[in-house]
Amino acid sequence: MSDLAGDARTWSPVAPEAARLLAVSALLEGRDRAEVAALFKVSVRAVDNWWARWQAGGRDALLSRPRGRRAGEHQVLSEVEQAAVRQAVLDHIPCDLGLSGQLWARGLIGELIFRLHRVRFTEPGLGKYLKRWGLTFQRPDKRAVEQDAEAVRVWHEETWPAIRAKANAEKGEVLADQVGICSDQVTGRTWGAKGTTPVVRRTGNRFSVNAMSAISTKGRMHFMVFTESFDAKVMCRFLARLVGSFDHKVHLIVDRHSAHRSKVVRAWLSRHKDQVELHFLPSYSPELNPDELVNADLKRSLPHTHRARNQPELAAETRRFFRRRQRQPHIVRGYFGGRHVRYVIDE
C-alpha cells in the first residue's frame, strides 16, 4: 500500500482504481474507516463511498470508467438534422444546393449546415461528425454528363445477361477496347525531397503508338500494337487476328467508336457472322468495359520501364507489357474484379 501513499490528486490514472480496491480490502480486514482514509490521504466520506459501491456492485463497481461525455452525447445537431445533412452530401454536389464547386470539402459541408441550421462548426469538430456518419475523404469517379442512366440500367439488367447466356452456350466471351499511348505521358508517382518536385527526363519529341486488346474471364489476352490511326481497316485486321485464335464464336464487347460502327466493319462482320459478333456498350460508359482497366494498367506500367526515345522503342515497350500480361492470366482475370465491371463475372 505504501506505493499509493501521497496526495490522491497526484496519482496516475490507474492508481485510483488500485487504491479503491486496496481500501475495501483493508476495510474487509477490519481496519477503521478513518485509518484507511488517513492511509490513502482521502476523506472518510470517500472511503464510505467506495465501501457503498463495493457493496452494491462488487469489484466491478470500483473499476475506473472513461471520463467525459459518451460518444454522441450533447451533440449540437439532433439525429434527424445529422441524417438530413449526411443524405444531402451523398445525394447532391455542392452546386446543386447553391454552393460553389462539385466536390465536398469540410468547409462547404460546414456552410451547408449553417444555411440549414444556423450553426457554425470548426473543421476538426465537423470532422468528428463526418467520421461518425461513416464518410471518408475520397477521390471521386468521373462520369460523363451525357451518360444515359436508363441505358446503363438496361445494359446491366437485360443486355449483358442475354449476351452472357448466348456466349456461354457458344463457349466464347471476349471484351475489347482500343487504347493510345503517347511519348510525353508521365503517370504514376515517385519519392522526392519535400518541397522539391522530382524531374522525369524524357525526349522533347512527340510520338505515339496505338494498341488494341481483348481479354476474357478465363485469363486470355489478345492484342495488336500499331502506329497508324485507329480506323475501320485496323478494326477489321484486329478482328481477323482475333477470330483466328478461337475455334468457336467470339462475342466482342466494344464502345461506340465510329470505326466499330462503320460500313466497312459491318460488311466484314456479315461475312464472318458465325465467327464473331459485336455488342455495344451504352454511350459514354467506359467504366463498364473491363478492358479499360488494361488501359490504366498499361499507362501505369510504362513509366517504370525505360523511357522510349522514339516510336519504335515505345511500340516495343508496349508489346513487352502485353506479352508479360499474357503470361500472367491471374492478373488478366483480376481486371474483372473492378468495382464497376464485376457484373461480368457475377451471376
Protein backbone atom coordinates (compact mmCIF):
# COMPACT_ATOMS: atom_id res chain seq x y z
CA MET A 1 0.00 0.00 0.00
CA SER A 2 2.92 2.32 0.52
CA ASP A 3 3.30 2.80 -3.26
CA LEU A 4 -0.05 4.58 -3.29
CA ALA A 5 0.70 6.89 -0.39
CA GLY A 6 0.58 10.62 -1.07
CA ASP A 7 -1.93 13.16 -2.32
CA ALA A 8 -4.66 11.42 -4.37
CA ARG A 9 -4.58 14.29 -6.86
CA THR A 10 -1.07 13.26 -7.97
CA TRP A 11 -1.94 9.62 -8.66
CA SER A 12 -1.65 8.16 -12.15
CA PRO A 13 -4.93 7.21 -13.92
CA VAL A 14 -4.51 3.57 -12.81
CA ALA A 15 -3.73 4.41 -9.16
CA PRO A 16 -7.27 5.46 -8.05
CA GLU A 17 -8.66 2.12 -9.15
CA ALA A 18 -5.96 0.25 -7.23
CA ALA A 19 -6.50 2.49 -4.19
CA ARG A 20 -10.22 1.75 -4.09
CA LEU A 21 -9.61 -1.99 -4.30
CA LEU A 22 -6.93 -1.88 -1.58
CA ALA A 23 -9.04 0.36 0.68
CA VAL A 24 -12.01 -2.01 0.50
CA SER A 25 -9.63 -4.92 1.18
CA ALA A 26 -8.38 -3.09 4.28
CA LEU A 27 -11.95 -2.49 5.47
CA LEU A 28 -12.73 -6.18 4.97
CA GLU A 29 -9.72 -6.97 7.16
CA GLY A 30 -11.30 -4.93 9.93
CA ARG A 31 -9.44 -1.65 9.72
CA ASP A 32 -11.18 1.54 10.81
CA ARG A 33 -12.62 3.92 8.21
CA ALA A 34 -10.61 6.86 9.50
CA GLU A 35 -7.41 4.82 9.50
CA VAL A 36 -7.99 3.79 5.86
CA ALA A 37 -8.77 7.39 4.89
CA ALA A 38 -5.54 8.60 6.55
CA LEU A 39 -3.52 5.86 4.85
CA PHE A 40 -4.69 6.84 1.36
CA LYS A 41 -4.90 10.58 2.15
CA VAL A 42 -8.55 10.85 1.19
CA SER A 43 -11.62 11.85 3.17
CA VAL A 44 -13.63 9.44 5.26
CA ARG A 45 -16.54 10.30 3.02
CA ALA A 46 -14.59 8.99 0.02
CA VAL A 47 -13.87 5.74 1.86
CA ASP A 48 -17.59 5.41 2.72
CA ASN A 49 -18.44 5.96 -0.96
CA TRP A 50 -16.01 3.20 -2.05
CA TRP A 51 -17.46 0.83 0.52
CA ALA A 52 -21.04 1.57 -0.64
CA ARG A 53 -20.06 0.97 -4.29
CA TRP A 54 -18.41 -2.33 -3.39
CA GLN A 55 -21.50 -3.50 -1.50
CA ALA A 56 -23.77 -2.53 -4.39
CA GLY A 57 -21.76 -3.87 -7.30
CA GLY A 58 -18.73 -5.75 -6.04
CA ARG A 59 -15.29 -5.38 -7.60
CA ASP A 60 -16.60 -4.16 -10.99
CA ALA A 61 -18.19 -1.14 -9.30
CA LEU A 62 -14.73 0.03 -8.17
CA LEU A 63 -13.09 -0.12 -11.60
CA SER A 64 -12.33 3.11 -13.48
CA ARG A 65 -14.68 4.33 -16.17
CA PRO A 66 -13.81 6.54 -19.16
CA ARG A 67 -14.16 10.21 -18.34
CA GLY A 68 -16.02 12.79 -20.36
CA ARG A 69 -19.15 12.54 -22.44
CA ARG A 70 -20.20 9.37 -24.10
CA ALA A 71 -19.92 9.38 -27.90
CA GLY A 72 -22.94 11.13 -29.31
CA GLU A 73 -24.00 12.87 -26.08
CA HIS A 74 -24.93 16.56 -26.06
CA GLN A 75 -24.50 16.97 -29.82
CA VAL A 76 -25.31 20.34 -31.33
CA LEU A 77 -27.27 18.73 -34.18
CA SER A 78 -30.09 16.31 -33.49
CA GLU A 79 -30.05 12.83 -35.02
CA VAL A 80 -32.67 13.92 -37.57
CA GLU A 81 -30.66 17.01 -38.54
CA GLN A 82 -27.48 14.95 -38.89
CA ALA A 83 -29.25 12.40 -41.09
CA ALA A 84 -30.54 15.20 -43.32
CA VAL A 85 -27.08 16.74 -43.79
CA ARG A 86 -25.46 13.34 -44.43
CA GLN A 87 -28.04 12.49 -47.09
CA ALA A 88 -27.64 15.87 -48.75
CA VAL A 89 -23.89 15.29 -49.07
CA LEU A 90 -24.42 11.80 -50.51
CA ASP A 91 -27.22 12.73 -52.93
CA HIS A 92 -26.01 16.10 -54.25
CA ILE A 93 -22.93 18.02 -55.28
CA PRO A 94 -22.37 21.48 -53.73
CA CYS A 95 -23.55 23.47 -56.77
CA ASP A 96 -26.89 21.62 -56.64
CA LEU A 97 -27.51 23.28 -53.26
CA GLY A 98 -26.41 26.81 -54.14
CA LEU A 99 -22.80 26.35 -53.04
CA SER A 100 -19.69 26.51 -55.22
CA GLY A 101 -17.97 23.60 -56.96
CA GLN A 102 -18.66 19.92 -57.41
CA LEU A 103 -16.58 18.41 -54.59
CA TRP A 104 -17.48 18.39 -50.91
CA ALA A 105 -14.84 19.75 -48.52
CA ARG A 106 -15.33 20.23 -44.80
CA GLY A 107 -15.68 23.98 -45.29
CA LEU A 108 -18.54 23.53 -47.76
CA ILE A 109 -20.28 20.98 -45.54
CA GLY A 110 -19.95 23.46 -42.67
CA GLU A 111 -21.52 26.15 -44.87
CA LEU A 112 -24.38 23.79 -45.73
CA ILE A 113 -25.00 23.13 -42.03
CA PHE A 114 -25.00 26.86 -41.30
CA ARG A 115 -27.55 27.53 -44.05
CA LEU A 116 -29.79 24.73 -42.85
CA HIS A 117 -29.47 25.03 -39.07
CA ARG A 118 -27.63 28.34 -38.38
CA VAL A 119 -24.84 26.53 -36.53
CA ARG A 120 -21.12 27.06 -37.11
CA PHE A 121 -18.58 24.25 -36.69
CA THR A 122 -14.81 24.24 -36.64
CA GLU A 123 -13.28 21.90 -39.23
CA PRO A 124 -11.98 19.46 -36.54
CA GLY A 125 -15.42 19.42 -34.92
CA LEU A 126 -17.10 18.81 -38.26
CA GLY A 127 -14.56 16.06 -38.97
CA LYS A 128 -15.83 14.16 -35.92
CA TYR A 129 -19.38 14.28 -37.28
CA LEU A 130 -18.23 13.08 -40.71
CA LYS A 131 -16.36 10.17 -39.15
CA ARG A 132 -19.43 9.27 -37.08
CA TRP A 133 -21.55 9.34 -40.25
CA GLY A 134 -19.23 6.83 -41.94
CA LEU A 135 -17.96 9.34 -44.53
CA THR A 136 -14.35 9.44 -45.73
CA PHE A 137 -12.39 11.80 -48.00
CA GLN A 138 -12.11 10.00 -51.35
CA ARG A 139 -11.07 10.53 -54.96
CA PRO A 140 -14.37 10.53 -56.95
CA ASP A 141 -15.09 8.52 -60.06
CA LYS A 142 -15.67 10.54 -63.23
CA ARG A 143 -18.87 10.24 -65.26
CA ALA A 144 -19.82 11.97 -68.48
CA VAL A 145 -22.82 14.23 -68.09
CA GLU A 146 -24.10 12.76 -71.38
CA GLN A 147 -24.32 9.25 -69.92
CA ASP A 148 -27.85 7.80 -70.02
CA ALA A 149 -28.58 6.18 -66.65
CA GLU A 150 -31.50 4.23 -68.11
CA ALA A 151 -29.27 2.78 -70.83
CA VAL A 152 -26.77 1.68 -68.19
CA ARG A 153 -29.57 0.03 -66.21
CA VAL A 154 -30.79 -1.83 -69.32
CA TRP A 155 -27.23 -2.97 -70.03
CA HIS A 156 -26.85 -4.41 -66.53
CA GLU A 157 -30.28 -5.97 -66.21
CA GLU A 158 -31.17 -7.05 -69.75
CA THR A 159 -28.47 -6.69 -72.42
CA TRP A 160 -25.48 -8.16 -70.61
CA PRO A 161 -27.36 -11.20 -69.16
CA ALA A 162 -28.57 -12.02 -72.69
CA ILE A 163 -25.05 -11.70 -74.13
CA ARG A 164 -23.62 -13.85 -71.35
CA ALA A 165 -26.19 -16.57 -71.85
CA LYS A 166 -25.52 -16.66 -75.57
CA ALA A 167 -21.73 -16.59 -75.15
CA ASN A 168 -21.81 -19.33 -72.52
CA ALA A 169 -23.80 -21.56 -74.87
CA GLU A 170 -21.13 -21.00 -77.54
CA LYS A 171 -18.19 -21.09 -75.09
CA GLY A 172 -16.98 -17.67 -76.10
CA GLU A 173 -16.63 -14.47 -74.08
CA VAL A 174 -14.18 -11.72 -75.02
CA LEU A 175 -14.18 -7.99 -74.31
CA ALA A 176 -12.15 -5.44 -76.30
CA ASP A 177 -11.16 -1.79 -76.39
CA GLN A 178 -8.73 0.49 -78.24
CA VAL A 179 -6.10 2.40 -76.25
CA GLY A 180 -3.49 5.00 -77.14
CA ILE A 181 -0.02 5.67 -75.71
CA CYS A 182 1.82 8.98 -76.09
CA SER A 183 5.55 9.58 -75.73
CA ASP A 184 5.24 12.57 -73.40
CA GLN A 185 2.81 10.96 -71.00
CA VAL A 186 4.10 10.83 -67.41
CA THR A 187 1.97 8.85 -65.00
CA GLY A 188 2.44 7.48 -61.51
CA ARG A 189 4.34 8.97 -58.58
CA THR A 190 7.89 8.84 -57.24
CA TRP A 191 9.61 9.74 -53.96
CA GLY A 192 11.46 13.03 -53.64
CA ALA A 193 12.55 15.67 -51.13
CA LYS A 194 9.74 17.65 -49.53
CA GLY A 195 9.27 20.95 -51.34
CA THR A 196 11.27 19.84 -54.39
CA THR A 197 9.39 18.34 -57.32
CA PRO A 198 11.21 15.32 -58.86
CA VAL A 199 12.11 15.61 -62.54
CA VAL A 200 11.45 12.88 -65.13
CA ARG A 201 13.73 13.02 -68.15
CA ARG A 202 12.06 12.39 -71.50
CA THR A 203 12.51 13.23 -75.12
CA GLY A 204 11.17 16.52 -76.42
CA ASN A 205 9.74 14.81 -79.49
CA ARG A 206 6.10 13.79 -79.57
CA PHE A 207 5.22 10.41 -80.98
CA SER A 208 2.64 7.78 -80.24
CA VAL A 209 1.53 4.25 -80.86
CA ASN A 210 -1.89 2.69 -80.57
CA ALA A 211 -2.88 -0.68 -79.21
CA MET A 212 -5.97 -2.85 -79.11
CA SER A 213 -6.53 -5.66 -76.68
CA ALA A 214 -9.16 -8.26 -75.93
CA ILE A 215 -9.44 -10.11 -72.63
CA SER A 216 -11.58 -12.99 -71.40
CA THR A 217 -12.69 -14.09 -67.95
CA LYS A 218 -10.55 -17.20 -68.46
CA GLY A 219 -7.42 -15.06 -68.32
CA ARG A 220 -6.72 -14.95 -72.05
CA MET A 221 -5.39 -11.76 -73.64
CA HIS A 222 -5.02 -10.86 -77.33
CA PHE A 223 -3.51 -7.61 -78.54
CA MET A 224 -2.29 -5.67 -81.55
CA VAL A 225 0.10 -2.69 -81.50
CA PHE A 226 0.06 -0.32 -84.48
CA THR A 227 1.31 3.12 -85.41
CA GLU A 228 -1.39 4.32 -87.78
CA SER A 229 -4.62 5.93 -86.68
CA PHE A 230 -7.37 3.67 -85.48
CA ASP A 231 -9.98 3.23 -88.21
CA ALA A 232 -12.27 0.61 -89.75
CA LYS A 233 -9.45 -1.13 -91.63
CA VAL A 234 -7.44 -1.53 -88.45
CA MET A 235 -10.51 -2.84 -86.67
CA CYS A 236 -11.07 -5.47 -89.38
CA ARG A 237 -7.43 -6.51 -89.16
CA PHE A 238 -7.72 -6.94 -85.41
CA LEU A 239 -10.96 -8.93 -85.77
CA ALA A 240 -9.33 -11.24 -88.30
CA ARG A 241 -6.42 -11.92 -85.95
CA LEU A 242 -8.80 -12.44 -83.05
CA VAL A 243 -11.13 -14.98 -84.67
CA GLY A 244 -8.09 -16.89 -85.94
CA SER A 245 -7.21 -17.60 -82.31
CA PHE A 246 -10.54 -19.24 -81.44
CA ASP A 247 -12.27 -22.37 -82.64
CA HIS A 248 -15.66 -21.07 -81.51
CA LYS A 249 -17.65 -17.89 -81.95
CA VAL A 250 -16.31 -14.73 -80.32
CA HIS A 251 -18.58 -12.18 -78.65
CA LEU A 252 -16.79 -8.86 -78.54
CA ILE A 253 -17.88 -6.05 -76.22
CA VAL A 254 -16.88 -2.66 -77.65
CA ASP A 255 -17.62 1.01 -77.17
CA ARG A 256 -19.45 3.11 -79.76
CA HIS A 257 -16.39 4.41 -81.58
CA SER A 258 -17.26 5.34 -85.17
CA ALA A 259 -14.85 2.69 -86.51
CA HIS A 260 -16.72 -0.05 -84.66
CA ARG A 261 -20.00 1.00 -86.31
CA SER A 262 -18.64 1.78 -89.78
CA LYS A 263 -19.99 0.24 -93.00
CA VAL A 264 -16.64 -1.47 -93.61
CA VAL A 265 -16.74 -3.24 -90.25
CA ARG A 266 -20.42 -4.15 -90.62
CA ALA A 267 -19.71 -5.67 -94.02
CA TRP A 268 -16.78 -7.65 -92.61
CA LEU A 269 -18.93 -8.91 -89.74
CA SER A 270 -21.69 -10.04 -92.11
CA ARG A 271 -19.15 -12.26 -93.87
CA HIS A 272 -17.98 -13.73 -90.55
CA LYS A 273 -21.19 -13.80 -88.55
CA ASP A 274 -20.58 -17.38 -87.44
CA GLN A 275 -17.19 -16.41 -86.03
CA VAL A 276 -17.66 -13.07 -84.29
CA GLU A 277 -20.39 -10.75 -83.09
CA LEU A 278 -20.05 -7.21 -81.69
CA HIS A 279 -22.04 -5.91 -78.73
CA PHE A 280 -22.05 -2.18 -77.98
CA LEU A 281 -21.77 -0.65 -74.54
CA PRO A 282 -24.04 2.28 -73.60
CA SER A 283 -22.70 5.61 -74.78
CA TYR A 284 -20.25 7.47 -72.52
CA SER A 285 -19.84 4.45 -70.23
CA PRO A 286 -16.17 3.38 -70.38
CA GLU A 287 -16.29 2.27 -66.73
CA LEU A 288 -18.43 -0.72 -67.82
CA ASN A 289 -15.63 -2.09 -70.01
CA PRO A 290 -13.12 -4.34 -68.16
CA ASP A 291 -10.52 -3.65 -70.84
CA GLU A 292 -10.38 -0.04 -69.62
CA LEU A 293 -8.50 -1.48 -66.63
CA VAL A 294 -5.95 -2.92 -69.06
CA ASN A 295 -5.57 0.60 -70.44
CA ALA A 296 -4.96 2.00 -66.95
CA ASP A 297 -2.55 -0.83 -66.09
CA LEU A 298 -0.55 -0.19 -69.28
CA LYS A 299 -0.23 3.53 -68.63
CA ARG A 300 0.83 2.91 -65.02
CA SER A 301 3.39 0.30 -66.01
CA LEU A 302 5.20 2.10 -68.85
CA PRO A 303 6.84 4.83 -66.69
CA HIS A 304 8.53 2.10 -64.61
CA THR A 305 10.35 0.80 -67.71
CA HIS A 306 12.95 2.55 -69.86
CA ARG A 307 11.58 5.84 -71.22
CA ALA A 308 11.16 5.47 -75.00
CA ARG A 309 13.12 7.93 -77.14
CA ASN A 310 11.31 7.19 -80.39
CA GLN A 311 8.22 5.49 -81.76
CA PRO A 312 9.80 2.02 -82.34
CA GLU A 313 11.03 1.94 -78.72
CA LEU A 314 7.58 2.92 -77.45
CA ALA A 315 5.96 0.21 -79.59
CA ALA A 316 8.46 -2.36 -78.29
CA GLU A 317 7.77 -1.40 -74.67
CA THR A 318 4.04 -1.65 -75.27
CA ARG A 319 4.38 -5.12 -76.82
CA ARG A 320 6.51 -6.25 -73.88
CA PHE A 321 3.79 -5.17 -71.49
CA PHE A 322 1.09 -7.16 -73.31
CA ARG A 323 3.28 -10.25 -73.66
CA ARG A 324 4.06 -10.12 -69.96
CA ARG A 325 0.37 -9.97 -69.13
CA GLN A 326 -0.32 -12.90 -71.48
CA ARG A 327 1.94 -14.96 -69.20
CA GLN A 328 0.02 -13.72 -66.13
CA PRO A 329 -3.58 -14.96 -66.55
CA HIS A 330 -4.28 -14.32 -62.87
CA ILE A 331 -3.75 -10.60 -63.47
CA VAL A 332 -5.97 -10.67 -66.56
CA ARG A 333 -8.74 -12.36 -64.57
CA GLY A 334 -8.21 -9.76 -61.86
CA TYR A 335 -9.27 -6.97 -64.23
CA PHE A 336 -12.81 -8.33 -63.96
CA GLY A 337 -12.79 -7.76 -60.20
CA GLY A 338 -13.01 -3.98 -60.57
CA ARG A 339 -15.92 -2.38 -58.76
CA HIS A 340 -17.75 -1.26 -61.92
CA VAL A 341 -17.01 -4.34 -64.06
CA ARG A 342 -17.60 -7.09 -61.51
CA TYR A 343 -21.01 -7.61 -63.12
CA VAL A 344 -19.22 -9.55 -65.88
CA ILE A 345 -18.40 -12.42 -63.52
CA ASP A 346 -21.33 -12.06 -61.13
CA GLU A 347 -24.16 -14.48 -61.83
